[in-house]
Structure formats: structure tokens, C-alpha cells
Amino acid sequence: MSSITTDQGVVHYEVFGRGKPVILLHGWLGSWGVWQETLAYLKEHYRAYALDFWGFGESGKKRDSYDVADFVSLVDQFMEQLGIIQAPLVGHSMGGTVSLSVAIQYPQRVSRVVVIGSPIVGSSLSLPLKLAGYHSIAFLVYHQMSLLKLGLRLTGRWICADPRWYDMMNRDLSQTTLESFLYSIASLRRTDLRPFLPQIKVPVMGMYGNKDVIVHPNQWLPLKQGVPHAQIARYKNAGHFIMLDQPQRFMQQLHAFLDDRPIDENIAPET
């Protein structure tokens, strides 16, 4: 367990392996833990960092704001403090939206970007996530956490095929505050990256699962329209958590992209 201290709060992170750096960013209500298998794979080839956004996981929770813009600033500060001049960013869901935003606002920091089930436009969020961005609803849901967890248990098989997913979410929810729960998803709902995507010149890959019920799976379209050079990988048998639903294919495609290699017939097919 490692951490850095900024004037805006403590940032917890985990680091595996040696070599060129890669930074992994989790999604809403998540933590670095969603990347454990990915880290175990990447450590053989890179020095992989997985951090917790403020308000999530083991990072600091004494803030007034948990907007997407705050997390963009966090990545810049994190890289500055660790002496990472430039690195690929790999982001899941909200973490991918943050990754693209870092590439827009701090282009010198980013060598390439991978987004996994990430909203380009906040309106692509599922209805429950949109509603969670309203204070009265967020307050009610957060203070009925047992009902939320029951709902996740009952619907989990439609969200993620990995049987460990519910336990991951249960752990991460216990470390989330009402403020981070509310403000982060409200900010994500208001996000629209489309006017800024043409500014991104580095290589980009978008990974989207056809069975995603959290973010509309067609969000690859505005990504491709805004970044014509982006590579798109679509997973017909995966949902929102591609790294858990199709881990072998995901990690092989991720590795090929990070190494700037073409994706060939040796990539594991979907099952």
C-alpha cells in the first residue's frame, strides 16, 4: 500500500512491476481493486500504477468537490509527485472519461489512452446512474445502502459475468461517502467531451461491451467521430466490466495496443 499527500487530500495507489509506467483509473463507486488481475498481467511488462480517486477506495475523503475535473487534476498531481513525465492512461467507465480529459487538458502527460465502457456524453448513462446524480435521490439511496446492495446482488449477473464482482462492489461501496457518491456521478452526467475530442492526437483505443447496461454500448461512435484515428474493440459477449467478463482477450488486446503492435489472430477469441 502506497500513498502521496497533496494539499487536496491523500491519494492511495498500488504499484506492480518494473519498466515503463502505465496508469490505471477506476470507475464510479470503484477502486484500484477492479484492476488486480490486470496488474498481475501488466507487471510482467510494465510498471503499472492503479490509484483511488479522492472519495473512493482508500484515498482521502475530506473534500467539498468530487467532480470529473478534480480527478483530472489528481492525475496530473499524481504524475508530478511520482516523477512520471508521460504515460499511457487506461480508464474504466468514469476513469476513461477522466483519461480522455487528461489527454485534452494535459496533452504532454499522455502517450496513449485506453477507455473501457466509458461515457463520452453523460446522457449515455443508464437511468439509475442519472438519477443518482440528484441530491434527494442520492441521499435516499445512500442511507438505504442495504437495499442498494441487495439490488446489486439481484442484478449482478446482468452487469458482470464474474462471480466475484458483487464482493468487489460491496467492499468499495463501504468506502464511499455520500458526497463522493453524489457529486462524482452528477458531474459525469453533465459531461460532454465531443467538442474537445479533436484535440487528442495520441493513439486511442475504445473498448465497449455489447451487453453493457451501465453505459450505452454505442458510445464508441462519438469517440470514433471525435478521434478518427481511434481503434475500437467491441466485445459482443461482455458488459460494462470487460476486464472481468473477457479477461484473456482484454489483456492481450491491451498489451498489443500499449506495445503499439497490431492485433492479430493470436488474440483470444470471445467465448
Protein backbone atom coordinates (compact mmCIF):
# COMPACT_ATOMS: atom_id res chain seq x y z
CA MET A 1 0.00 0.00 0.00
CA SER A 2 1.39 3.40 -1.03
CA SER A 3 0.12 6.95 -0.92
CA ILE A 4 1.03 10.52 -1.70
CA THR A 5 -0.15 13.61 0.14
CA THR A 6 -1.39 16.64 -1.75
CA ASP A 7 -2.85 19.88 -0.46
CA GLN A 8 -6.22 18.48 -1.56
CA GLY A 9 -6.02 15.13 0.19
CA VAL A 10 -4.27 11.78 0.38
CA VAL A 11 -4.13 9.65 -2.78
CA HIS A 12 -3.76 5.90 -2.29
CA TYR A 13 -2.26 3.76 -5.02
CA GLU A 14 -0.77 0.33 -5.70
CA VAL A 15 2.18 -0.31 -7.98
CA PHE A 16 3.32 -3.56 -9.59
CA GLY A 17 6.25 -4.46 -11.81
CA ARG A 18 9.14 -2.65 -13.43
CA GLY A 19 9.63 -0.88 -16.72
CA LYS A 20 7.71 1.85 -18.48
CA PRO A 21 4.82 3.28 -16.47
CA VAL A 22 1.13 2.64 -17.14
CA ILE A 23 -1.60 4.28 -15.04
CA LEU A 24 -4.97 2.59 -14.41
CA LEU A 25 -8.06 4.59 -13.38
CA HIS A 26 -11.21 3.02 -11.92
CA GLY A 27 -14.86 3.89 -12.46
CA TRP A 28 -17.65 5.33 -10.30
CA LEU A 29 -18.04 3.59 -6.92
CA GLY A 30 -14.96 1.50 -7.70
CA SER A 31 -11.37 1.39 -6.53
CA TRP A 32 -7.97 0.13 -7.62
CA GLY A 33 -9.17 -3.39 -6.74
CA VAL A 34 -11.00 -3.81 -10.05
CA TRP A 35 -7.57 -3.92 -11.69
CA GLN A 36 -5.98 -6.70 -9.64
CA GLU A 37 -5.84 -9.28 -12.45
CA THR A 38 -4.80 -6.62 -14.96
CA LEU A 39 -1.99 -5.50 -12.64
CA ALA A 40 -0.81 -9.09 -12.23
CA TYR A 41 -0.60 -9.37 -16.01
CA LEU A 42 0.94 -5.97 -16.73
CA LYS A 43 3.65 -6.27 -14.07
CA GLU A 44 5.49 -8.71 -16.32
CA HIS A 45 5.91 -5.97 -18.92
CA TYR A 46 5.43 -2.55 -17.29
CA ARG A 47 5.43 -0.66 -14.02
CA ALA A 48 1.68 -0.44 -13.51
CA TYR A 49 0.04 2.04 -11.14
CA ALA A 50 -3.59 1.80 -10.01
CA LEU A 51 -4.85 4.70 -7.91
CA ASP A 52 -8.00 5.51 -5.99
CA PHE A 53 -9.75 8.77 -6.85
CA TRP A 54 -10.46 11.13 -3.97
CA GLY A 55 -13.57 9.92 -2.17
CA PHE A 56 -13.14 6.29 -3.22
CA GLY A 57 -11.19 3.30 -2.01
CA GLU A 58 -8.51 4.30 0.48
CA SER A 59 -7.92 7.84 -0.80
CA GLY A 60 -8.84 10.96 1.18
CA LYS A 61 -12.49 11.84 1.67
CA LYS A 62 -12.37 15.30 3.25
CA ARG A 63 -13.23 17.40 0.22
CA ASP A 64 -16.03 19.69 -0.91
CA SER A 65 -15.89 18.57 -4.53
CA TYR A 66 -15.59 15.26 -6.35
CA ASP A 67 -16.10 16.38 -9.94
CA VAL A 68 -14.53 14.83 -13.01
CA ALA A 69 -12.35 17.96 -13.24
CA ASP A 70 -10.98 17.23 -9.75
CA PHE A 71 -9.92 13.75 -10.81
CA VAL A 72 -8.25 15.15 -13.93
CA SER A 73 -6.22 17.43 -11.67
CA LEU A 74 -5.47 14.47 -9.39
CA VAL A 75 -3.85 12.51 -12.25
CA ASP A 76 -1.64 15.47 -13.11
CA GLN A 77 -0.59 15.90 -9.46
CA PHE A 78 -0.02 12.17 -9.07
CA MET A 79 2.30 12.04 -12.07
CA GLU A 80 4.11 15.18 -10.93
CA GLN A 81 4.81 13.83 -7.45
CA LEU A 82 5.97 10.42 -8.69
CA GLY A 83 8.17 11.92 -11.40
CA ILE A 84 6.21 10.30 -14.24
CA ILE A 85 6.72 12.63 -17.17
CA GLN A 86 4.43 10.81 -19.60
CA ALA A 87 2.50 7.54 -19.59
CA PRO A 88 -0.41 5.65 -21.14
CA LEU A 89 -3.70 6.05 -19.25
CA VAL A 90 -6.12 3.13 -19.04
CA GLY A 91 -9.53 4.07 -17.66
CA HIS A 92 -12.67 2.11 -16.91
CA SER A 93 -16.05 3.91 -17.16
CA MET A 94 -15.64 7.28 -15.38
CA GLY A 95 -11.89 6.60 -15.30
CA GLY A 96 -11.84 6.54 -19.09
CA THR A 97 -13.68 9.84 -19.24
CA VAL A 98 -11.01 11.22 -16.91
CA SER A 99 -8.26 9.72 -19.08
CA LEU A 100 -9.55 11.43 -22.22
CA SER A 101 -9.92 14.68 -20.28
CA VAL A 102 -6.29 14.47 -19.12
CA ALA A 103 -5.22 13.97 -22.74
CA ILE A 104 -7.17 17.12 -23.63
CA GLN A 105 -6.04 19.32 -20.74
CA TYR A 106 -2.54 17.95 -20.14
CA PRO A 107 -1.50 16.51 -23.52
CA GLN A 108 2.16 16.42 -22.52
CA ARG A 109 1.29 13.87 -19.80
CA VAL A 110 -0.31 11.24 -22.02
CA SER A 111 1.33 8.94 -24.57
CA ARG A 112 -1.83 6.93 -25.38
CA VAL A 113 -5.29 6.31 -23.95
CA VAL A 114 -7.45 3.23 -23.46
CA VAL A 115 -11.09 3.67 -22.42
CA ILE A 116 -13.30 0.77 -21.32
CA GLY A 117 -17.06 1.25 -21.32
CA SER A 118 -16.57 4.98 -20.83
CA PRO A 119 -19.23 7.65 -21.37
CA ILE A 120 -18.26 10.32 -23.90
CA VAL A 121 -21.57 12.05 -23.26
CA GLY A 122 -23.18 11.92 -19.82
CA SER A 123 -26.60 11.26 -21.29
CA SER A 124 -25.38 7.75 -22.20
CA LEU A 125 -25.51 6.72 -18.52
CA SER A 126 -28.26 4.31 -17.55
CA LEU A 127 -31.31 5.80 -15.86
CA PRO A 128 -30.38 4.65 -12.31
CA LEU A 129 -27.00 6.37 -12.60
CA LYS A 130 -28.57 9.56 -13.91
CA LEU A 131 -31.00 9.59 -11.01
CA ALA A 132 -28.16 9.03 -8.53
CA GLY A 133 -26.83 12.45 -9.51
CA TYR A 134 -29.80 14.20 -7.87
CA HIS A 135 -29.27 15.09 -4.23
CA SER A 136 -32.58 13.88 -2.84
CA ILE A 137 -32.33 10.53 -4.61
CA ALA A 138 -28.64 10.08 -3.77
CA PHE A 139 -29.38 10.85 -0.11
CA LEU A 140 -32.16 8.27 -0.04
CA VAL A 141 -30.15 5.56 -1.81
CA TYR A 142 -27.01 6.16 0.22
CA HIS A 143 -28.88 5.93 3.51
CA GLN A 144 -30.60 2.74 2.36
CA MET A 145 -27.32 1.08 1.42
CA SER A 146 -28.58 -2.38 2.34
CA LEU A 147 -31.29 -2.05 -0.34
CA LEU A 148 -28.73 -0.85 -2.89
CA LYS A 149 -26.51 -3.83 -2.13
CA LEU A 150 -29.48 -6.18 -2.39
CA GLY A 151 -30.32 -4.68 -5.77
CA LEU A 152 -26.75 -5.16 -6.96
CA ARG A 153 -26.79 -8.76 -5.78
CA LEU A 154 -30.03 -9.48 -7.63
CA THR A 155 -28.99 -7.74 -10.86
CA GLY A 156 -25.29 -8.60 -10.75
CA ARG A 157 -25.45 -11.35 -13.36
CA TRP A 158 -26.69 -8.80 -15.93
CA ILE A 159 -23.95 -6.35 -15.01
CA CYS A 160 -20.88 -8.59 -14.81
CA ALA A 161 -20.25 -12.27 -15.51
CA ASP A 162 -17.51 -12.56 -12.88
CA PRO A 163 -18.99 -14.08 -9.68
CA ARG A 164 -16.53 -12.03 -7.61
CA TRP A 165 -17.99 -8.74 -8.86
CA TYR A 166 -20.58 -8.32 -6.10
CA ASP A 167 -17.99 -8.78 -3.36
CA MET A 168 -15.78 -6.17 -5.07
CA MET A 169 -18.65 -3.69 -5.20
CA ASN A 170 -19.71 -4.44 -1.63
CA ARG A 171 -16.19 -3.66 -0.41
CA ASP A 172 -15.87 -0.49 -2.47
CA LEU A 173 -19.32 0.84 -1.51
CA SER A 174 -18.36 0.60 2.15
CA GLN A 175 -15.53 3.07 1.47
CA THR A 176 -17.64 5.63 -0.42
CA THR A 177 -19.06 8.76 1.19
CA LEU A 178 -22.37 10.41 0.33
CA GLU A 179 -20.52 13.40 -1.12
CA SER A 180 -18.30 11.35 -3.43
CA PHE A 181 -21.29 9.15 -4.35
CA LEU A 182 -23.37 12.17 -5.34
CA TYR A 183 -21.01 14.78 -6.76
CA SER A 184 -18.96 12.46 -8.95
CA ILE A 185 -21.92 10.93 -10.78
CA ALA A 186 -23.67 14.32 -11.05
CA SER A 187 -20.54 15.72 -12.70
CA LEU A 188 -20.26 12.72 -15.01
CA ARG A 189 -23.91 13.12 -16.04
CA ARG A 190 -23.16 16.70 -17.16
CA THR A 191 -20.06 15.72 -19.13
CA ASP A 192 -19.86 16.12 -22.91
CA LEU A 193 -16.39 15.54 -24.38
CA ARG A 194 -17.46 15.73 -28.03
CA PRO A 195 -16.37 19.37 -28.68
CA PHE A 196 -12.88 18.63 -27.32
CA LEU A 197 -12.08 15.18 -28.73
CA PRO A 198 -10.46 16.52 -31.95
CA GLN A 199 -7.69 17.97 -29.75
CA ILE A 200 -6.47 14.45 -28.92
CA LYS A 201 -3.58 13.46 -31.16
CA VAL A 202 -2.15 10.46 -29.25
CA PRO A 203 -3.22 6.88 -30.05
CA VAL A 204 -6.58 5.96 -28.54
CA MET A 205 -8.38 2.66 -28.11
CA GLY A 206 -12.02 2.33 -27.09
CA MET A 207 -13.27 -0.99 -25.71
CA TYR A 208 -17.04 -1.42 -25.44
CA GLY A 209 -19.16 -4.41 -24.46
CA ASN A 210 -22.37 -5.00 -26.39
CA LYS A 211 -24.12 -6.17 -23.19
CA ASP A 212 -23.28 -3.04 -21.20
CA VAL A 213 -26.29 -1.94 -19.11
CA ILE A 214 -24.43 0.84 -17.27
CA VAL A 215 -23.19 2.99 -20.19
CA HIS A 216 -24.76 2.75 -23.64
CA PRO A 217 -22.51 0.44 -25.70
CA ASN A 218 -22.72 2.75 -28.72
CA GLN A 219 -20.52 5.35 -27.01
CA TRP A 220 -17.76 4.12 -29.29
CA LEU A 221 -19.48 6.10 -32.06
CA PRO A 222 -18.90 9.64 -30.68
CA LEU A 223 -15.39 8.55 -29.68
CA LYS A 224 -14.62 7.45 -33.24
CA GLN A 225 -16.26 10.55 -34.71
CA GLY A 226 -14.23 12.86 -32.49
CA VAL A 227 -10.97 10.89 -32.73
CA PRO A 228 -10.96 9.34 -36.22
CA HIS A 229 -7.65 7.57 -35.61
CA ALA A 230 -9.05 5.75 -32.54
CA GLN A 231 -9.05 1.96 -32.63
CA ILE A 232 -12.31 0.37 -31.49
CA ALA A 233 -12.63 -3.09 -29.96
CA ARG A 234 -16.18 -4.32 -29.45
CA TYR A 235 -16.96 -7.31 -27.24
CA LYS A 236 -20.23 -8.98 -28.15
CA ASN A 237 -20.29 -11.17 -25.03
CA ALA A 238 -19.09 -8.63 -22.46
CA GLY A 239 -20.84 -5.95 -20.46
CA HIS A 240 -19.56 -2.92 -18.58
CA PHE A 241 -16.67 -4.72 -16.86
CA ILE A 242 -14.82 -6.06 -19.88
CA MET A 243 -11.65 -6.76 -17.89
CA LEU A 244 -13.68 -9.17 -15.73
CA ASP A 245 -16.05 -10.56 -18.36
CA GLN A 246 -13.41 -11.33 -21.01
CA PRO A 247 -10.07 -11.07 -19.15
CA GLN A 248 -7.84 -13.00 -21.54
CA ARG A 249 -8.94 -11.22 -24.69
CA PHE A 250 -8.96 -7.88 -22.86
CA MET A 251 -5.42 -8.21 -21.52
CA GLN A 252 -3.99 -9.42 -24.82
CA GLN A 253 -5.60 -6.54 -26.73
CA LEU A 254 -4.50 -4.07 -24.08
CA HIS A 255 -0.93 -5.37 -24.21
CA ALA A 256 -0.84 -5.20 -28.01
CA PHE A 257 -2.10 -1.62 -28.01
CA LEU A 258 0.32 -0.48 -25.31
CA ASP A 259 3.19 -2.03 -27.25
CA ASP A 260 1.94 -0.44 -30.49
CA ARG A 261 1.52 -3.87 -32.08
CA PRO A 262 -1.29 -4.86 -34.45
CA ILE A 263 -4.00 -7.07 -33.01
CA ASP A 264 -3.57 -10.37 -34.83
CA GLU A 265 -5.06 -13.84 -34.96
CA ASN A 266 -3.27 -14.82 -31.77
CA ILE A 267 -5.68 -12.68 -29.74
CA ALA A 268 -8.01 -14.96 -27.81
CA PRO A 269 -11.47 -15.12 -29.40
CA GLU A 270 -14.61 -14.41 -27.44
CA THR A 271 -16.31 -17.34 -25.82
